[in-house]
PDB file of N, CA and C in Angstrom:
ATOM      1  N   MET A   1     -20.275 -31.149 -67.480  1.00  0.00           N
ATOM      2  CA  MET A   1     -19.457 -31.508 -68.613  1.00  0.00           C
ATOM      3  C   MET A   1     -19.953 -32.858 -69.157  1.00  0.00           C
ATOM      4  N   PRO A   2     -20.108 -32.974 -70.464  1.00  0.00           N
ATOM      5  CA  PRO A   2     -20.605 -34.226 -71.047  1.00  0.00           C
ATOM      6  C   PRO A   2     -19.640 -35.391 -70.858  1.00  0.00           C
ATOM      7  N   ARG A   3     -20.214 -36.594 -70.814  1.00  0.00           N
ATOM      8  CA  ARG A   3     -19.416 -37.817 -70.722  1.00  0.00           C
ATOM      9  C   ARG A   3     -19.520 -38.538 -72.057  1.00  0.00           C
ATOM     10  N   TYR A   4     -18.403 -39.038 -72.538  1.00  0.00           N
ATOM     11  CA  TYR A   4     -18.345 -39.749 -73.804  1.00  0.00           C
ATOM     12  C   TYR A   4     -17.795 -41.145 -73.567  1.00  0.00           C
ATOM     13  N   GLU A   5     -18.304 -42.102 -74.332  1.00  0.00           N
ATOM     14  CA  GLU A   5     -17.874 -43.490 -74.191  1.00  0.00           C
ATOM     15  C   GLU A   5     -16.937 -43.837 -75.347  1.00  0.00           C
ATOM     16  N   TYR A   6     -15.868 -44.526 -75.015  1.00  0.00           N
ATOM     17  CA  TYR A   6     -14.853 -44.923 -75.990  1.00  0.00           C
ATOM     18  C   TYR A   6     -14.600 -46.420 -75.869  1.00  0.00           C
ATOM     19  N   ARG A   7     -14.097 -47.016 -76.950  1.00  0.00           N
ATOM     20  CA  ARG A   7     -13.717 -48.430 -76.936  1.00  0.00           C
ATOM     21  C   ARG A   7     -12.302 -48.552 -77.472  1.00  0.00           C
ATOM     22  N   CYS A   8     -11.503 -49.369 -76.795  1.00  0.00           N
ATOM     23  CA  CYS A   8     -10.128 -49.611 -77.206  1.00  0.00           C
ATOM     24  C   CYS A   8     -10.119 -50.731 -78.242  1.00  0.00           C
ATOM     25  N   ARG A   9      -9.518 -50.483 -79.385  1.00  0.00           N
ATOM     26  CA  ARG A   9      -9.431 -51.506 -80.430  1.00  0.00           C
ATOM     27  C   ARG A   9      -8.383 -52.558 -80.095  1.00  0.00           C
ATOM     28  N   THR A  10      -7.441 -52.233 -79.234  1.00  0.00           N
ATOM     29  CA  THR A  10      -6.373 -53.166 -78.886  1.00  0.00           C
ATOM     30  C   THR A  10      -6.837 -54.212 -77.884  1.00  0.00           C
ATOM     31  N   CYS A  11      -7.442 -53.759 -76.776  1.00  0.00           N
ATOM     32  CA  CYS A  11      -7.826 -54.704 -75.723  1.00  0.00           C
ATOM     33  C   CYS A  11      -9.333 -54.905 -75.598  1.00  0.00           C
ATOM     34  N   GLY A  12     -10.145 -54.090 -76.299  1.00  0.00           N
ATOM     35  CA  GLY A  12     -11.592 -54.241 -76.260  1.00  0.00           C
ATOM     36  C   GLY A  12     -12.283 -53.568 -75.085  1.00  0.00           C
ATOM     37  N   ALA A  13     -11.531 -52.900 -74.222  1.00  0.00           N
ATOM     38  CA  ALA A  13     -12.121 -52.237 -73.054  1.00  0.00           C
ATOM     39  C   ALA A  13     -12.980 -51.051 -73.500  1.00  0.00           C
ATOM     40  N   THR A  14     -14.087 -50.825 -72.790  1.00  0.00           N
ATOM     41  CA  THR A  14     -14.880 -49.616 -72.988  1.00  0.00           C
ATOM     42  C   THR A  14     -14.728 -48.754 -71.741  1.00  0.00           C
ATOM     43  N   PHE A  15     -14.698 -47.449 -71.950  1.00  0.00           N
ATOM     44  CA  PHE A  15     -14.497 -46.527 -70.834  1.00  0.00           C
ATOM     45  C   PHE A  15     -15.135 -45.201 -71.181  1.00  0.00           C
ATOM     46  N   GLU A  16     -15.379 -44.387 -70.150  1.00  0.00           N
ATOM     47  CA  GLU A  16     -15.990 -43.080 -70.317  1.00  0.00           C
ATOM     48  C   GLU A  16     -15.024 -41.998 -69.883  1.00  0.00           C
ATOM     49  N   LEU A  17     -15.136 -40.847 -70.554  1.00  0.00           N
ATOM     50  CA  LEU A  17     -14.357 -39.672 -70.188  1.00  0.00           C
ATOM     51  C   LEU A  17     -15.277 -38.466 -70.136  1.00  0.00           C
ATOM     52  N   SER A  18     -15.072 -37.597 -69.154  1.00  0.00           N
ATOM     53  CA  SER A  18     -15.762 -36.315 -69.110  1.00  0.00           C
ATOM     54  C   SER A  18     -14.851 -35.308 -69.777  1.00  0.00           C
ATOM     55  N   ARG A  19     -15.357 -34.655 -70.804  1.00  0.00           N
ATOM     56  CA  ARG A  19     -14.551 -33.655 -71.513  1.00  0.00           C
ATOM     57  C   ARG A  19     -15.473 -32.688 -72.225  1.00  0.00           C
ATOM     58  N   PRO A  20     -14.966 -31.501 -72.542  1.00  0.00           N
ATOM     59  CA  PRO A  20     -15.790 -30.524 -73.259  1.00  0.00           C
ATOM     60  C   PRO A  20     -16.211 -31.066 -74.625  1.00  0.00           C
ATOM     61  N   MET A  21     -17.348 -30.598 -75.130  1.00  0.00           N
ATOM     62  CA  MET A  21     -17.841 -31.057 -76.423  1.00  0.00           C
ATOM     63  C   MET A  21     -16.816 -30.823 -77.526  1.00  0.00           C
ATOM     64  N   ALA A  22     -16.064 -29.741 -77.452  1.00  0.00           N
ATOM     65  CA  ALA A  22     -15.062 -29.420 -78.471  1.00  0.00           C
ATOM     66  C   ALA A  22     -13.952 -30.465 -78.525  1.00  0.00           C
ATOM     67  N   GLU A  23     -13.779 -31.234 -77.447  1.00  0.00           N
ATOM     68  CA  GLU A  23     -12.724 -32.244 -77.392  1.00  0.00           C
ATOM     69  C   GLU A  23     -13.273 -33.672 -77.500  1.00  0.00           C
ATOM     70  N   SER A  24     -14.549 -33.826 -77.852  1.00  0.00           N
ATOM     71  CA  SER A  24     -15.157 -35.154 -77.864  1.00  0.00           C
ATOM     72  C   SER A  24     -14.505 -36.094 -78.871  1.00  0.00           C
ATOM     73  N   SER A  25     -13.976 -35.575 -79.960  1.00  0.00           N
ATOM     74  CA  SER A  25     -13.349 -36.420 -80.981  1.00  0.00           C
ATOM     75  C   SER A  25     -11.832 -36.482 -80.846  1.00  0.00           C
ATOM     76  N   ALA A  26     -11.291 -35.820 -79.843  1.00  0.00           N
ATOM     77  CA  ALA A  26      -9.837 -35.844 -79.633  1.00  0.00           C
ATOM     78  C   ALA A  26      -9.400 -37.250 -79.235  1.00  0.00           C
ATOM     79  N   PRO A  27      -8.177 -37.641 -79.556  1.00  0.00           N
ATOM     80  CA  PRO A  27      -7.685 -38.971 -79.168  1.00  0.00           C
ATOM     81  C   PRO A  27      -7.808 -39.197 -77.659  1.00  0.00           C
ATOM     82  N   ALA A  28      -8.123 -40.440 -77.290  1.00  0.00           N
ATOM     83  CA  ALA A  28      -8.276 -40.798 -75.880  1.00  0.00           C
ATOM     84  C   ALA A  28      -7.559 -42.121 -75.646  1.00  0.00           C
ATOM     85  N   ALA A  29      -6.672 -42.153 -74.685  1.00  0.00           N
ATOM     86  CA  ALA A  29      -5.970 -43.398 -74.338  1.00  0.00           C
ATOM     87  C   ALA A  29      -6.846 -44.210 -73.394  1.00  0.00           C
ATOM     88  N   CYS A  30      -6.872 -45.521 -73.599  1.00  0.00           N
ATOM     89  CA  CYS A  30      -7.664 -46.383 -72.717  1.00  0.00           C
ATOM     90  C   CYS A  30      -6.952 -46.530 -71.375  1.00  0.00           C
ATOM     91  N   PRO A  31      -7.659 -47.007 -70.348  1.00  0.00           N
ATOM     92  CA  PRO A  31      -7.045 -47.185 -69.027  1.00  0.00           C
ATOM     93  C   PRO A  31      -5.843 -48.132 -69.068  1.00  0.00           C
ATOM     94  N   GLY A  32      -5.774 -49.010 -70.073  1.00  0.00           N
ATOM     95  CA  GLY A  32      -4.640 -49.921 -70.211  1.00  0.00           C
ATOM     96  C   GLY A  32      -3.441 -49.294 -70.898  1.00  0.00           C
ATOM     97  N   GLY A  33      -3.579 -48.026 -71.315  1.00  0.00           N
ATOM     98  CA  GLY A  33      -2.464 -47.308 -71.924  1.00  0.00           C
ATOM     99  C   GLY A  33      -2.407 -47.408 -73.446  1.00  0.00           C
ATOM    100  N   HIS A  34      -3.389 -48.034 -74.071  1.00  0.00           N
ATOM    101  CA  HIS A  34      -3.397 -48.151 -75.529  1.00  0.00           C
ATOM    102  C   HIS A  34      -3.957 -46.878 -76.158  1.00  0.00           C
ATOM    103  N   ASP A  35      -3.462 -46.538 -77.341  1.00  0.00           N
ATOM    104  CA  ASP A  35      -3.899 -45.311 -78.008  1.00  0.00           C
ATOM    105  C   ASP A  35      -4.895 -45.545 -79.135  1.00  0.00           C
ATOM    106  N   ASP A  36      -5.135 -46.784 -79.534  1.00  0.00           N
ATOM    107  CA  ASP A  36      -6.027 -47.074 -80.660  1.00  0.00           C
ATOM    108  C   ASP A  36      -7.458 -47.202 -80.155  1.00  0.00           C
ATOM    109  N   THR A  37      -8.132 -46.055 -79.976  1.00  0.00           N
ATOM    110  CA  THR A  37      -9.490 -46.043 -79.440  1.00  0.00           C
ATOM    111  C   THR A  37     -10.436 -45.340 -80.403  1.00  0.00           C
ATOM    112  N   VAL A  38     -11.710 -45.632 -80.261  1.00  0.00           N
ATOM    113  CA  VAL A  38     -12.745 -44.974 -81.051  1.00  0.00           C
ATOM    114  C   VAL A  38     -13.852 -44.497 -80.121  1.00  0.00           C
ATOM    115  N   LYS A  39     -14.442 -43.367 -80.480  1.00  0.00           N
ATOM    116  CA  LYS A  39     -15.575 -42.853 -79.710  1.00  0.00           C
ATOM    117  C   LYS A  39     -16.815 -43.599 -80.162  1.00  0.00           C
ATOM    118  N   LEU A  40     -17.610 -44.072 -79.203  1.00  0.00           N
ATOM    119  CA  LEU A  40     -18.831 -44.802 -79.499  1.00  0.00           C
ATOM    120  C   LEU A  40     -19.990 -43.833 -79.633  1.00  0.00           C
ATOM    121  N   LEU A  41     -20.951 -44.196 -80.476  1.00  0.00           N
ATOM    122  CA  LEU A  41     -22.169 -43.400 -80.579  1.00  0.00           C
ATOM    123  C   LEU A  41     -22.996 -43.672 -79.343  1.00  0.00           C
ATOM    124  N   SER A  42     -23.531 -42.637 -78.767  1.00  0.00           N
ATOM    125  CA  SER A  42     -24.315 -42.816 -77.554  1.00  0.00           C
ATOM    126  C   SER A  42     -25.767 -42.488 -77.832  1.00  0.00           C
ATOM    127  N   THR A  43     -26.630 -43.094 -77.056  1.00  0.00           N
ATOM    128  CA  THR A  43     -28.056 -42.803 -77.152  1.00  0.00           C
ATOM    129  C   THR A  43     -28.450 -41.963 -75.952  1.00  0.00           C
ATOM    130  N   VAL A  44     -29.415 -41.105 -76.158  1.00  0.00           N
ATOM    131  CA  VAL A  44     -29.888 -40.245 -75.086  1.00  0.00           C
ATOM    132  C   VAL A  44     -31.226 -40.792 -74.604  1.00  0.00           C
ATOM    133  N   ALA A  45     -31.310 -41.047 -73.327  1.00  0.00           N
ATOM    134  CA  ALA A  45     -32.554 -41.521 -72.740  1.00  0.00           C
ATOM    135  C   ALA A  45     -33.241 -40.352 -72.055  1.00  0.00           C
ATOM    136  N   VAL A  46     -34.490 -40.141 -72.401  1.00  0.00           N
ATOM    137  CA  VAL A  46     -35.253 -39.057 -71.798  1.00  0.00           C
ATOM    138  C   VAL A  46     -36.425 -39.686 -71.061  1.00  0.00           C
ATOM    139  N   GLY A  47     -36.515 -39.412 -69.784  1.00  0.00           N
ATOM    140  CA  GLY A  47     -37.605 -39.969 -68.990  1.00  0.00           C
ATOM    141  C   GLY A  47     -38.840 -39.112 -69.085  1.00  0.00           C
ATOM    142  N   GLY A  48     -39.928 -39.647 -68.617  1.00  0.00           N
ATOM    143  CA  GLY A  48     -41.175 -38.891 -68.606  1.00  0.00           C
ATOM    144  C   GLY A  48     -42.211 -39.551 -69.493  1.00  0.00           C
ATOM    145  N   THR A  49     -43.337 -38.886 -69.602  1.00  0.00           N
ATOM    146  CA  THR A  49     -44.416 -39.416 -70.423  1.00  0.00           C
ATOM    147  C   THR A  49     -44.721 -38.444 -71.554  1.00  0.00           C
ATOM    148  N   ALA A  50     -45.299 -38.955 -72.616  1.00  0.00           N
ATOM    149  CA  ALA A  50     -45.668 -38.117 -73.748  1.00  0.00           C
ATOM    150  C   ALA A  50     -46.904 -37.303 -73.377  1.00  0.00           C
ATOM    151  N   PRO A  51     -47.011 -36.089 -73.918  1.00  0.00           N
ATOM    152  CA  PRO A  51     -48.195 -35.286 -73.617  1.00  0.00           C
ATOM    153  C   PRO A  51     -49.434 -35.916 -74.258  1.00  0.00           C
ATOM    154  N   ALA A  52     -50.568 -35.681 -73.628  1.00  0.00           N
ATOM    155  CA  ALA A  52     -51.832 -36.204 -74.142  1.00  0.00           C
ATOM    156  C   ALA A  52     -52.161 -35.508 -75.459  1.00  0.00           C
ATOM    157  N   PRO A  53     -52.746 -36.228 -76.409  1.00  0.00           N
ATOM    158  CA  PRO A  53     -53.100 -35.598 -77.681  1.00  0.00           C
ATOM    159  C   PRO A  53     -54.143 -34.511 -77.477  1.00  0.00           C
ATOM    160  N   SER A  54     -54.057 -33.506 -78.325  1.00  0.00           N
ATOM    161  CA  SER A  54     -54.994 -32.390 -78.247  1.00  0.00           C
ATOM    162  C   SER A  54     -56.374 -32.835 -78.710  1.00  0.00           C
ATOM    163  N   THR A  55     -57.399 -32.364 -78.048  1.00  0.00           N
ATOM    164  CA  THR A  55     -58.759 -32.678 -78.472  1.00  0.00           C
ATOM    165  C   THR A  55     -59.339 -31.526 -79.281  1.00  0.00           C
ATOM    166  N   GLY A  56     -58.532 -30.492 -79.489  1.00  0.00           N
ATOM    167  CA  GLY A  56     -58.982 -29.342 -80.275  1.00  0.00           C
ATOM    168  C   GLY A  56     -59.067 -29.675 -81.753  1.00  0.00           C
ATOM    169  N   GLY A  57     -59.550 -28.749 -82.514  1.00  0.00           N
ATOM    170  CA  GLY A  57     -59.791 -28.990 -83.923  1.00  0.00           C
ATOM    171  C   GLY A  57     -58.621 -28.695 -84.825  1.00  0.00           C
ATOM    172  N   GLY A  58     -57.447 -28.464 -84.387  1.00  0.00           N
ATOM    173  CA  GLY A  58     -56.328 -28.208 -85.279  1.00  0.00           C
ATOM    174  C   GLY A  58     -55.946 -26.748 -85.322  1.00  0.00           C
ATOM    175  N   CYS A  59     -56.757 -25.876 -84.779  1.00  0.00           N
ATOM    176  CA  CYS A  59     -56.402 -24.476 -84.659  1.00  0.00           C
ATOM    177  C   CYS A  59     -55.878 -24.246 -83.252  1.00  0.00           C
ATOM    178  N   CYS A  60     -55.223 -23.159 -83.040  1.00  0.00           N
ATOM    179  CA  CYS A  60     -54.707 -22.850 -81.705  1.00  0.00           C
ATOM    180  C   CYS A  60     -55.856 -22.844 -80.709  1.00  0.00           C
ATOM    181  N   GLY A  61     -55.830 -23.726 -79.754  1.00  0.00           N
ATOM    182  CA  GLY A  61     -56.858 -23.785 -78.737  1.00  0.00           C
ATOM    183  C   GLY A  61     -58.142 -24.442 -79.193  1.00  0.00           C
ATOM    184  N   GLY A  62     -58.199 -24.877 -80.445  1.00  0.00           N
ATOM    185  CA  GLY A  62     -59.407 -25.543 -80.945  1.00  0.00           C
ATOM    186  C   GLY A  62     -60.584 -24.604 -81.130  1.00  0.00           C
ATOM    187  N   GLY A  63     -60.325 -23.295 -81.193  1.00  0.00           N
ATOM    188  CA  GLY A  63     -61.429 -22.344 -81.261  1.00  0.00           C
ATOM    189  C   GLY A  63     -61.826 -21.945 -82.671  1.00  0.00           C
ATOM    190  N   CYS A  64     -61.265 -22.528 -83.709  1.00  0.00           N
ATOM    191  CA  CYS A  64     -61.636 -22.174 -85.075  1.00  0.00           C
ATOM    192  C   CYS A  64     -62.951 -22.828 -85.429  1.00  0.00           C
ATOM    193  N   GLY A  65     -63.750 -22.152 -86.147  1.00  0.00           N
ATOM    194  CA  GLY A  65     -65.088 -22.570 -86.408  1.00  0.00           C
ATOM    195  C   GLY A  65     -65.290 -23.522 -87.456  1.00  0.00           C
TER     196      GLY A  65
END
């Protein structure tokens, strides 16, 4: 289940909730009990390395003449 980050406008606390994607924009109360919260935009970090550039000529497999 995805995790979403929220910030409370009343006390400034940030917190995360696990909830279905369909409920990501639903109201969320902060741990302090305040209801004035907003969902924060999150960034996705993807690990790994980029593939090496192709040395072919631009055709599939570089076999075009």
